[in-house]
C-alpha atoms as a PDB file:
ATOM      1  CA  MET A   1      59.180  53.619  11.270  1.00  0.00           C
ATOM      2  CA  THR A   2      57.808  50.130  11.529  1.00  0.00           C
ATOM      3  CA  ARG A   3      57.620  48.858  15.103  1.00  0.00           C
ATOM      4  CA  PRO A   4      58.249  45.133  15.737  1.00  0.00           C
ATOM      5  CA  LEU A   5      55.148  44.718  17.914  1.00  0.00           C
ATOM      6  CA  PRO A   6      53.688  41.353  18.924  1.00  0.00           C
ATOM      7  CA  PRO A   7      49.892  41.004  18.816  1.00  0.00           C
ATOM      8  CA  LEU A   8      48.217  43.063  21.568  1.00  0.00           C
ATOM      9  CA  ASN A   9      46.185  40.090  22.788  1.00  0.00           C
ATOM     10  CA  ALA A  10      49.400  38.125  23.285  1.00  0.00           C
ATOM     11  CA  LEU A  11      50.930  40.973  25.299  1.00  0.00           C
ATOM     12  CA  ARG A  12      47.799  41.296  27.454  1.00  0.00           C
ATOM     13  CA  ALA A  13      47.744  37.554  28.081  1.00  0.00           C
ATOM     14  CA  PHE A  14      51.429  37.462  29.018  1.00  0.00           C
ATOM     15  CA  GLU A  15      51.186  40.551  31.242  1.00  0.00           C
ATOM     16  CA  ALA A  16      48.177  39.196  33.178  1.00  0.00           C
ATOM     17  CA  ALA A  17      49.720  35.733  33.505  1.00  0.00           C
ATOM     18  CA  GLY A  18      53.008  37.282  34.615  1.00  0.00           C
ATOM     19  CA  ARG A  19      51.402  39.412  37.321  1.00  0.00           C
ATOM     20  CA  HIS A  20      49.477  36.478  38.733  1.00  0.00           C
ATOM     21  CA  GLU A  21      52.003  33.775  37.776  1.00  0.00           C
ATOM     22  CA  ASN A  22      48.876  31.791  37.130  1.00  0.00           C
ATOM     23  CA  PHE A  23      47.205  31.156  33.770  1.00  0.00           C
ATOM     24  CA  SER A  24      43.775  30.455  35.284  1.00  0.00           C
ATOM     25  CA  ARG A  25      43.660  33.752  37.157  1.00  0.00           C
ATOM     26  CA  ALA A  26      44.842  35.591  34.057  1.00  0.00           C
ATOM     27  CA  ALA A  27      42.067  33.955  32.044  1.00  0.00           C
ATOM     28  CA  GLU A  28      39.504  34.976  34.662  1.00  0.00           C
ATOM     29  CA  GLU A  29      40.753  38.575  34.648  1.00  0.00           C
ATOM     30  CA  LEU A  30      40.625  38.871  30.868  1.00  0.00           C
ATOM     31  CA  GLY A  31      37.423  36.889  30.446  1.00  0.00           C
ATOM     32  CA  VAL A  32      38.899  34.224  28.187  1.00  0.00           C
ATOM     33  CA  ALA A  33      39.592  30.492  28.382  1.00  0.00           C
ATOM     34  CA  HIS A  34      42.696  29.088  30.069  1.00  0.00           C
ATOM     35  CA  SER A  35      43.712  27.590  26.719  1.00  0.00           C
ATOM     36  CA  ALA A  36      43.665  31.044  25.121  1.00  0.00           C
ATOM     37  CA  ILE A  37      46.175  32.378  27.663  1.00  0.00           C
ATOM     38  CA  SER A  38      48.419  29.382  27.121  1.00  0.00           C
ATOM     39  CA  ARG A  39      48.200  29.705  23.341  1.00  0.00           C
ATOM     40  CA  HIS A  40      49.023  33.425  23.379  1.00  0.00           C
ATOM     41  CA  VAL A  41      51.951  32.962  25.766  1.00  0.00           C
ATOM     42  CA  ARG A  42      53.454  30.068  23.795  1.00  0.00           C
ATOM     43  CA  GLY A  43      53.071  32.042  20.582  1.00  0.00           C
ATOM     44  CA  LEU A  44      54.813  35.024  22.148  1.00  0.00           C
ATOM     45  CA  GLU A  45      57.666  32.819  23.389  1.00  0.00           C
ATOM     46  CA  HIS A  46      58.071  31.408  19.894  1.00  0.00           C
ATOM     47  CA  ARG A  47      58.116  34.922  18.396  1.00  0.00           C
ATOM     48  CA  LEU A  48      60.680  36.198  20.915  1.00  0.00           C
ATOM     49  CA  GLY A  49      62.779  33.055  20.923  1.00  0.00           C
ATOM     50  CA  VAL A  50      62.924  32.898  24.729  1.00  0.00           C
ATOM     51  CA  GLN A  51      61.158  31.024  27.505  1.00  0.00           C
ATOM     52  CA  LEU A  52      59.004  33.412  29.563  1.00  0.00           C
ATOM     53  CA  PHE A  53      57.575  30.892  32.053  1.00  0.00           C
ATOM     54  CA  ARG A  54      58.726  27.646  33.573  1.00  0.00           C
ATOM     55  CA  ASP A  55      56.222  25.008  34.641  1.00  0.00           C
ATOM     56  CA  LEU A  56      55.946  24.072  38.306  1.00  0.00           C
ATOM     57  CA  ARG A  57      53.844  21.484  40.088  1.00  0.00           C
ATOM     58  CA  ARG A  58      51.741  24.283  41.587  1.00  0.00           C
ATOM     59  CA  GLY A  59      51.529  26.305  38.359  1.00  0.00           C
ATOM     60  CA  VAL A  60      54.053  28.525  36.576  1.00  0.00           C
ATOM     61  CA  GLU A  61      56.666  31.110  37.427  1.00  0.00           C
ATOM     62  CA  LEU A  62      58.457  33.737  35.386  1.00  0.00           C
ATOM     63  CA  THR A  63      61.921  33.070  34.108  1.00  0.00           C
ATOM     64  CA  SER A  64      64.524  35.841  34.344  1.00  0.00           C
ATOM     65  CA  ASP A  65      63.685  36.814  30.738  1.00  0.00           C
ATOM     66  CA  GLY A  66      60.009  36.812  31.658  1.00  0.00           C
ATOM     67  CA  GLN A  67      60.600  39.048  34.670  1.00  0.00           C
ATOM     68  CA  SER A  68      62.572  41.530  32.598  1.00  0.00           C
ATOM     69  CA  TYR A  69      59.963  41.588  29.849  1.00  0.00           C
ATOM     70  CA  LEU A  70      57.082  41.990  32.329  1.00  0.00           C
ATOM     71  CA  ALA A  71      58.827  44.952  33.972  1.00  0.00           C
ATOM     72  CA  ARG A  72      58.809  46.751  30.602  1.00  0.00           C
ATOM     73  CA  ILE A  73      55.437  45.591  29.310  1.00  0.00           C
ATOM     74  CA  THR A  74      53.301  46.486  32.352  1.00  0.00           C
ATOM     75  CA  PRO A  75      54.090  50.247  32.317  1.00  0.00           C
ATOM     76  CA  ALA A  76      53.602  50.298  28.541  1.00  0.00           C
ATOM     77  CA  LEU A  77      50.133  48.724  28.772  1.00  0.00           C
ATOM     78  CA  ASP A  78      49.297  51.047  31.681  1.00  0.00           C
ATOM     79  CA  ALA A  79      50.261  54.028  29.518  1.00  0.00           C
ATOM     80  CA  ILE A  80      48.077  52.796  26.632  1.00  0.00           C
ATOM     81  CA  SER A  81      45.199  52.241  29.035  1.00  0.00           C
ATOM     82  CA  GLU A  82      45.643  55.720  30.540  1.00  0.00           C
ATOM     83  CA  ALA A  83      45.731  57.401  27.143  1.00  0.00           C
ATOM     84  CA  THR A  84      42.628  55.520  26.010  1.00  0.00           C
ATOM     85  CA  ASP A  85      40.828  56.305  29.253  1.00  0.00           C
ATOM     86  CA  GLU A  86      41.519  60.028  28.950  1.00  0.00           C
ATOM     87  CA  VAL A  87      40.014  60.129  25.466  1.00  0.00           C
ATOM     88  CA  GLY A  88      36.819  58.468  26.696  1.00  0.00           C
ATOM     89  CA  GLY A  89      33.919  60.470  28.084  1.00  0.00           C
ATOM     90  CA  VAL A  90      32.585  59.027  31.360  1.00  0.00           C
ATOM     91  CA  PRO A  91      34.282  56.871  34.014  1.00  0.00           C
ATOM     92  CA  GLU A  92      33.555  53.257  33.177  1.00  0.00           C
ATOM     93  CA  GLY A  93      34.815  49.749  33.741  1.00  0.00           C
ATOM     94  CA  ARG A  94      35.449  47.472  36.678  1.00  0.00           C
ATOM     95  CA  VAL A  95      36.885  48.819  39.932  1.00  0.00           C
ATOM     96  CA  THR A  96      37.735  46.447  42.789  1.00  0.00           C
ATOM     97  CA  ILE A  97      37.929  47.581  46.412  1.00  0.00           C
ATOM     98  CA  SER A  98      39.446  45.221  48.989  1.00  0.00           C
ATOM     99  CA  SER A  99      38.184  46.011  52.481  1.00  0.00           C
ATOM    100  CA  GLU A 100      37.883  44.608  55.975  1.00  0.00           C
ATOM    101  CA  PRO A 101      34.430  42.988  56.283  1.00  0.00           C
ATOM    102  CA  LEU A 102      33.014  45.328  58.935  1.00  0.00           C
ATOM    103  CA  PHE A 103      34.023  48.490  57.068  1.00  0.00           C
ATOM    104  CA  ALA A 104      32.712  47.027  53.825  1.00  0.00           C
ATOM    105  CA  GLN A 105      29.342  46.095  55.303  1.00  0.00           C
ATOM    106  CA  LYS A 106      28.734  49.125  57.507  1.00  0.00           C
ATOM    107  CA  VAL A 107      30.411  51.965  55.594  1.00  0.00           C
ATOM    108  CA  LEU A 108      30.736  51.011  51.920  1.00  0.00           C
ATOM    109  CA  MET A 109      27.533  49.090  51.265  1.00  0.00           C
ATOM    110  CA  PRO A 110      25.048  51.657  52.667  1.00  0.00           C
ATOM    111  CA  ARG A 111      26.608  54.347  50.449  1.00  0.00           C
ATOM    112  CA  LEU A 112      26.736  52.484  47.151  1.00  0.00           C
ATOM    113  CA  SER A 113      23.586  54.085  45.773  1.00  0.00           C
ATOM    114  CA  SER A 114      25.325  57.465  45.570  1.00  0.00           C
ATOM    115  CA  LEU A 115      28.127  55.905  43.487  1.00  0.00           C
ATOM    116  CA  TYR A 116      25.635  54.172  41.202  1.00  0.00           C
ATOM    117  CA  ASP A 117      23.734  57.432  40.702  1.00  0.00           C
ATOM    118  CA  ALA A 118      26.868  59.456  39.955  1.00  0.00           C
ATOM    119  CA  PHE A 119      28.767  56.865  37.887  1.00  0.00           C
ATOM    120  CA  PRO A 120      26.394  54.257  36.453  1.00  0.00           C
ATOM    121  CA  GLU A 121      29.062  52.923  34.087  1.00  0.00           C
ATOM    122  CA  ILE A 122      31.417  51.885  36.904  1.00  0.00           C
ATOM    123  CA  ASP A 123      31.242  48.172  37.738  1.00  0.00           C
ATOM    124  CA  LEU A 124      32.242  48.244  41.408  1.00  0.00           C
ATOM    125  CA  ARG A 125      33.374  45.026  43.066  1.00  0.00           C
ATOM    126  CA  ILE A 126      33.862  44.913  46.848  1.00  0.00           C
ATOM    127  CA  GLU A 127      35.959  42.078  48.250  1.00  0.00           C
ATOM    128  CA  ALA A 128      35.293  41.890  51.994  1.00  0.00           C
ATOM    129  CA  THR A 129      38.201  39.988  53.500  1.00  0.00           C
ATOM    130  CA  THR A 130      40.630  40.057  56.388  1.00  0.00           C
ATOM    131  CA  ASN A 131      43.431  39.111  53.999  1.00  0.00           C
ATOM    132  CA  LEU A 132      45.464  41.994  52.623  1.00  0.00           C
ATOM    133  CA  ALA A 133      45.177  42.271  48.859  1.00  0.00           C
ATOM    134  CA  ASP A 134      48.472  42.073  46.987  1.00  0.00           C
ATOM    135  CA  MET A 135      48.318  45.366  45.124  1.00  0.00           C
ATOM    136  CA  THR A 136      51.424  44.535  43.104  1.00  0.00           C
ATOM    137  CA  ARG A 137      49.534  41.620  41.536  1.00  0.00           C
ATOM    138  CA  TYR A 138      46.475  43.719  40.684  1.00  0.00           C
ATOM    139  CA  GLU A 139      44.300  41.901  43.221  1.00  0.00           C
ATOM    140  CA  ALA A 140      42.502  45.215  43.866  1.00  0.00           C
ATOM    141  CA  ASP A 141      42.456  48.761  42.554  1.00  0.00           C
ATOM    142  CA  LEU A 142      41.845  50.274  45.994  1.00  0.00           C
ATOM    143  CA  ALA A 143      42.247  48.809  49.466  1.00  0.00           C
ATOM    144  CA  VAL A 144      40.823  49.913  52.815  1.00  0.00           C
ATOM    145  CA  ARG A 145      43.390  49.066  55.470  1.00  0.00           C
ATOM    146  CA  PHE A 146      43.545  49.660  59.197  1.00  0.00           C
ATOM    147  CA  ALA A 147      46.668  50.739  61.064  1.00  0.00           C
ATOM    148  CA  HIS A 148      46.770  50.635  64.860  1.00  0.00           C
ATOM    149  CA  ARG A 149      49.650  53.075  65.113  1.00  0.00           C
ATOM    150  CA  GLY A 150      51.112  55.757  62.865  1.00  0.00           C
ATOM    151  CA  VAL A 151      50.792  55.494  59.091  1.00  0.00           C
ATOM    152  CA  LEU A 152      51.063  52.712  56.546  1.00  0.00           C
ATOM    153  CA  ASP A 153      54.329  51.972  54.750  1.00  0.00           C
ATOM    154  CA  VAL A 154      52.681  52.542  51.351  1.00  0.00           C
ATOM    155  CA  PRO A 155      51.125  55.701  49.855  1.00  0.00           C
ATOM    156  CA  SER A 156      47.652  56.135  51.327  1.00  0.00           C
ATOM    157  CA  GLU A 157      45.006  58.654  52.310  1.00  0.00           C
ATOM    158  CA  LEU A 158      43.337  58.878  55.723  1.00  0.00           C
ATOM    159  CA  LEU A 159      39.730  57.650  55.599  1.00  0.00           C
ATOM    160  CA  SER A 160      38.675  57.660  59.239  1.00  0.00           C
ATOM    161  CA  ASP A 161      40.411  58.258  62.550  1.00  0.00           C
ATOM    162  CA  ARG A 162      37.326  58.244  64.763  1.00  0.00           C
ATOM    163  CA  PRO A 163      37.916  57.091  68.347  1.00  0.00           C
ATOM    164  CA  LEU A 164      36.366  53.978  69.890  1.00  0.00           C
ATOM    165  CA  TYR A 165      33.252  54.570  71.991  1.00  0.00           C
ATOM    166  CA  PRO A 166      31.011  52.216  73.981  1.00  0.00           C
ATOM    167  CA  PHE A 167      27.628  51.606  72.331  1.00  0.00           C
ATOM    168  CA  ALA A 168      24.589  49.638  73.458  1.00  0.00           C
ATOM    169  CA  ALA A 169      20.981  49.012  72.516  1.00  0.00           C
ATOM    170  CA  PRO A 170      18.612  51.554  74.129  1.00  0.00           C
ATOM    171  CA  THR A 171      16.712  48.671  75.731  1.00  0.00           C
ATOM    172  CA  LEU A 172      19.769  47.369  77.603  1.00  0.00           C
ATOM    173  CA  ARG A 173      19.692  50.183  80.131  1.00  0.00           C
ATOM    174  CA  PRO A 174      16.879  52.606  79.250  1.00  0.00           C
ATOM    175  CA  GLU A 175      17.774  55.105  81.967  1.00  0.00           C
ATOM    176  CA  GLY A 176      21.420  55.161  80.916  1.00  0.00           C
ATOM    177  CA  TRP A 177      24.596  54.897  82.947  1.00  0.00           C
ATOM    178  CA  THR A 178      26.097  57.570  85.163  1.00  0.00           C
ATOM    179  CA  GLU A 179      29.391  55.779  85.998  1.00  0.00           C
ATOM    180  CA  PRO A 180      31.695  53.748  83.726  1.00  0.00           C
ATOM    181  CA  ASP A 181      31.737  50.846  86.207  1.00  0.00           C
ATOM    182  CA  GLN A 182      28.003  50.366  85.679  1.00  0.00           C
ATOM    183  CA  LEU A 183      28.595  49.818  81.979  1.00  0.00           C
ATOM    184  CA  LEU A 184      31.643  47.604  82.493  1.00  0.00           C
ATOM    185  CA  ALA A 185      29.617  45.166  84.587  1.00  0.00           C
ATOM    186  CA  TYR A 186      27.778  44.039  81.428  1.00  0.00           C
ATOM    187  CA  ARG A 187      28.981  41.556  78.817  1.00  0.00           C
ATOM    188  CA  ARG A 188      31.553  43.342  76.662  1.00  0.00           C
ATOM    189  CA  TYR A 189      32.000  43.046  72.899  1.00  0.00           C
ATOM    190  CA  VAL A 190      34.871  44.588  70.971  1.00  0.00           C
ATOM    191  CA  GLU A 191      35.552  45.474  67.338  1.00  0.00           C
ATOM    192  CA  ARG A 192      39.323  44.971  67.372  1.00  0.00           C
ATOM    193  CA  ASP A 193      41.865  42.683  68.967  1.00  0.00           C
ATOM    194  CA  GLY A 194      43.895  43.902  71.925  1.00  0.00           C
ATOM    195  CA  ASP A 195      43.257  45.432  75.335  1.00  0.00           C
ATOM    196  CA  THR A 196      40.987  48.205  74.111  1.00  0.00           C
ATOM    197  CA  TRP A 197      38.337  47.712  76.797  1.00  0.00           C
ATOM    198  CA  ALA A 198      40.946  47.890  79.572  1.00  0.00           C
ATOM    199  CA  ARG A 199      42.447  51.007  78.005  1.00  0.00           C
ATOM    200  CA  TRP A 200      39.038  52.618  77.676  1.00  0.00           C
ATOM    201  CA  ALA A 201      38.268  51.819  81.314  1.00  0.00           C
ATOM    202  CA  ARG A 202      41.502  53.468  82.459  1.00  0.00           C
ATOM    203  CA  LEU A 203      40.739  56.500  80.283  1.00  0.00           C
ATOM    204  CA  ALA A 204      37.288  56.699  81.876  1.00  0.00           C
ATOM    205  CA  GLY A 205      38.815  56.596  85.372  1.00  0.00           C
ATOM    206  CA  SER A 206      37.638  53.086  86.204  1.00  0.00           C
ATOM    207  CA  GLU A 207      39.659  50.528  88.156  1.00  0.00           C
ATOM    208  CA  ALA A 208      37.635  47.567  86.901  1.00  0.00           C
ATOM    209  CA  GLN A 209      39.541  44.265  87.019  1.00  0.00           C
ATOM    210  CA  PHE A 210      37.684  42.515  84.162  1.00  0.00           C
ATOM    211  CA  ASP A 211      37.028  39.171  85.821  1.00  0.00           C
ATOM    212  CA  THR A 212      34.742  38.218  82.914  1.00  0.00           C
ATOM    213  CA  PRO A 213      35.967  37.774  79.316  1.00  0.00           C
ATOM    214  CA  THR A 214      35.677  40.268  76.484  1.00  0.00           C
ATOM    215  CA  TRP A 215      34.026  38.846  73.370  1.00  0.00           C
ATOM    216  CA  ARG A 216      35.194  39.422  69.812  1.00  0.00           C
ATOM    217  CA  LEU A 217      33.076  37.537  67.286  1.00  0.00           C
ATOM    218  CA  GLU A 218      33.740  37.173  63.571  1.00  0.00           C
ATOM    219  CA  THR A 219      32.961  39.942  61.087  1.00  0.00           C
ATOM    220  CA  ARG A 220      30.073  42.058  62.420  1.00  0.00           C
ATOM    221  CA  MET A 221      28.569  39.580  64.907  1.00  0.00           C
ATOM    222  CA  SER A 222      29.929  41.490  67.901  1.00  0.00           C
ATOM    223  CA  LEU A 223      28.075  44.550  66.689  1.00  0.00           C
ATOM    224  CA  ASP A 224      24.933  42.536  65.996  1.00  0.00           C
ATOM    225  CA  ALA A 225      25.073  41.112  69.520  1.00  0.00           C
ATOM    226  CA  ALA A 226      25.068  44.635  70.944  1.00  0.00           C
ATOM    227  CA  ILE A 227      22.151  45.653  68.694  1.00  0.00           C
ATOM    228  CA  LEU A 228      20.227  42.669  70.090  1.00  0.00           C
ATOM    229  CA  GLY A 229      20.830  43.952  73.617  1.00  0.00           C
ATOM    230  CA  LEU A 230      23.223  41.164  74.619  1.00  0.00           C
ATOM    231  CA  GLY A 231      25.993  43.474  75.841  1.00  0.00           C
ATOM    232  CA  VAL A 232      28.017  46.629  75.251  1.00  0.00           C
ATOM    233  CA  TYR A 233      30.084  47.173  72.120  1.00  0.00           C
ATOM    234  CA  LEU A 234      33.334  49.125  71.918  1.00  0.00           C
ATOM    235  CA  GLY A 235      33.914  50.240  68.360  1.00  0.00           C
ATOM    236  CA  SER A 236      34.580  53.086  65.950  1.00  0.00           C
ATOM    237  CA  GLU A 237      31.761  55.439  65.137  1.00  0.00           C
ATOM    238  CA  GLU A 238      31.935  55.172  61.343  1.00  0.00           C
ATOM    239  CA  CYS A 239      30.876  51.530  61.581  1.00  0.00           C
ATOM    240  CA  VAL A 240      27.809  52.271  63.732  1.00  0.00           C
ATOM    241  CA  ALA A 241      26.731  55.578  62.156  1.00  0.00           C
ATOM    242  CA  ASP A 242      23.618  54.106  60.525  1.00  0.00           C
ATOM    243  CA  ASP A 243      22.670  52.175  63.675  1.00  0.00           C
ATOM    244  CA  LEU A 244      22.929  55.376  65.729  1.00  0.00           C
ATOM    245  CA  ARG A 245      20.818  57.312  63.248  1.00  0.00           C
ATOM    246  CA  GLU A 246      18.147  54.584  63.160  1.00  0.00           C
ATOM    247  CA  GLY A 247      18.071  54.312  66.967  1.00  0.00           C
ATOM    248  CA  ARG A 248      19.337  50.731  67.166  1.00  0.00           C
ATOM    249  CA  LEU A 249      22.290  51.851  69.290  1.00  0.00           C
ATOM    250  CA  VAL A 250      23.156  54.754  71.579  1.00  0.00           C
ATOM    251  CA  ARG A 251      26.552  56.047  72.620  1.00  0.00           C
ATOM    252  CA  CYS A 252      26.915  55.273  76.316  1.00  0.00           C
ATOM    253  CA  PHE A 253      29.636  57.801  77.217  1.00  0.00           C
ATOM    254  CA  ASP A 254      31.343  60.643  75.363  1.00  0.00           C
ATOM    255  CA  ILE A 255      34.741  59.214  76.224  1.00  0.00           C
ATOM    256  CA  GLY A 256      36.603  58.126  73.103  1.00  0.00           C
ATOM    257  CA  LEU A 257      39.720  55.957  72.933  1.00  0.00           C
ATOM    258  CA  THR A 258      42.100  56.748  70.082  1.00  0.00           C
ATOM    259  CA  ASP A 259      43.198  53.474  68.490  1.00  0.00           C
ATOM    260  CA  GLY A 260      44.453  53.765  64.933  1.00  0.00           C
ATOM    261  CA  ALA A 261      42.740  54.706  61.691  1.00  0.00           C
ATOM    262  CA  TYR A 262      41.430  53.418  58.385  1.00  0.00           C
ATOM    263  CA  HIS A 263      43.392  54.364  55.253  1.00  0.00           C
ATOM    264  CA  LEU A 264      42.661  54.159  51.539  1.00  0.00           C
ATOM    265  CA  VAL A 265      45.475  52.617  49.479  1.00  0.00           C
ATOM    266  CA  PRO A 266      45.502  52.900  45.675  1.00  0.00           C
ATOM    267  CA  ARG A 267      47.294  50.343  43.545  1.00  0.00           C
ATOM    268  CA  GLU A 268      50.464  51.722  42.029  1.00  0.00           C
ATOM    269  CA  GLY A 269      49.540  53.038  38.604  1.00  0.00           C
ATOM    270  CA  GLY A 270      45.852  52.353  39.223  1.00  0.00           C
ATOM    271  CA  MET A 271      44.936  56.024  39.494  1.00  0.00           C
ATOM    272  CA  ARG A 272      45.654  56.395  35.788  1.00  0.00           C
ATOM    273  CA  ARG A 273      42.188  54.994  35.155  1.00  0.00           C
ATOM    274  CA  LYS A 274      39.347  57.485  35.225  1.00  0.00           C
ATOM    275  CA  ALA A 275      36.985  55.014  36.919  1.00  0.00           C
ATOM    276  CA  VAL A 276      39.455  54.397  39.767  1.00  0.00           C
ATOM    277  CA  ARG A 277      39.993  58.119  40.274  1.00  0.00           C
ATOM    278  CA  ALA A 278      36.234  58.694  40.383  1.00  0.00           C
ATOM    279  CA  THR A 279      35.744  55.871  42.910  1.00  0.00           C
ATOM    280  CA  TYR A 280      38.623  57.186  45.019  1.00  0.00           C
ATOM    281  CA  ARG A 281      37.122  60.683  45.148  1.00  0.00           C
ATOM    282  CA  TRP A 282      33.663  59.280  45.902  1.00  0.00           C
ATOM    283  CA  LEU A 283      34.922  57.306  48.880  1.00  0.00           C
ATOM    284  CA  MET A 284      36.909  60.231  50.251  1.00  0.00           C
ATOM    285  CA  GLU A 285      33.834  62.462  50.038  1.00  0.00           C
ATOM    286  CA  GLU A 286      31.546  59.876  51.647  1.00  0.00           C
ATOM    287  CA  THR A 287      33.879  59.463  54.646  1.00  0.00           C
ATOM    288  CA  GLU A 288      34.755  63.132  55.150  1.00  0.00           C
ATOM    289  CA  ALA A 289      32.749  63.325  58.378  1.00  0.00           C
ATOM    290  CA  PHE A 290      34.836  60.533  59.930  1.00  0.00           C
ATOM    291  CA  ARG A 291      38.193  62.335  59.759  1.00  0.00           C
ATOM    292  CA  SER A 292      39.555  64.246  62.769  1.00  0.00           C
ATOM    293  CA  VAL A 293      36.178  65.173  64.184  1.00  0.00           C
ATOM    294  CA  PRO A 294      36.239  65.994  67.915  1.00  0.00           C
ATOM    295  CA  GLY A 295      34.381  63.511  70.074  1.00  0.00           C
END
């Protein structure tokens, strides 16, 4: 039976442009010129006899016909990709992880060599950003997201639920602290927004009033300030593991405040690709020590 199939390049161009509703981003994803996307889409519209996109001042948007066609085309291309991937030998291709900057810099980056050694054909891209990737638009294959309470409203796997502990440079107080109030008298830095220092103080049995401000600097600067001996840092242990091992920081008290967890979110359909599955398993193995470990 002869199938009335449009050219594959036209389908790929339309599907990418439809997901992004942006020809430039589709061209970037597929590694072609903007004009090529436009040419393929217009040719497909002519072949189908319908308008798939309407022009807007800010770009393009799908018409109702375009939305219906995209809903059928995306799973079909995913299925072709999955079948092709299964036939192939080793995991290969680009994999994009969207992650909060601190987790990306302190957990992902130091462990990349093990991924490169195990899967040299995987082209891993890490996007360190506080903005949540839109997984429905293929902005990332995997996303590291933090939830203060409970679980996320999308399928995910627990990466780390380590409590928050106070950390400081060994030079800040070489003899250590015996009472929480001694520590709380120093400048305080915090990893996350909220009243975590006050909650930790109450957990530690302190009645400190916090007459001085708590500092939260961008990205990892709060942590860097503590490493420089400028104050005490309240943060999760997975993000200071290397600094503890290298002696740049010490844990001040073995009193941990439970405050949410990091989760790993796969893009819907993304796990069909062998490279994404391999990266997913790698990250779960690398973070195993950070899950439900007693303080």
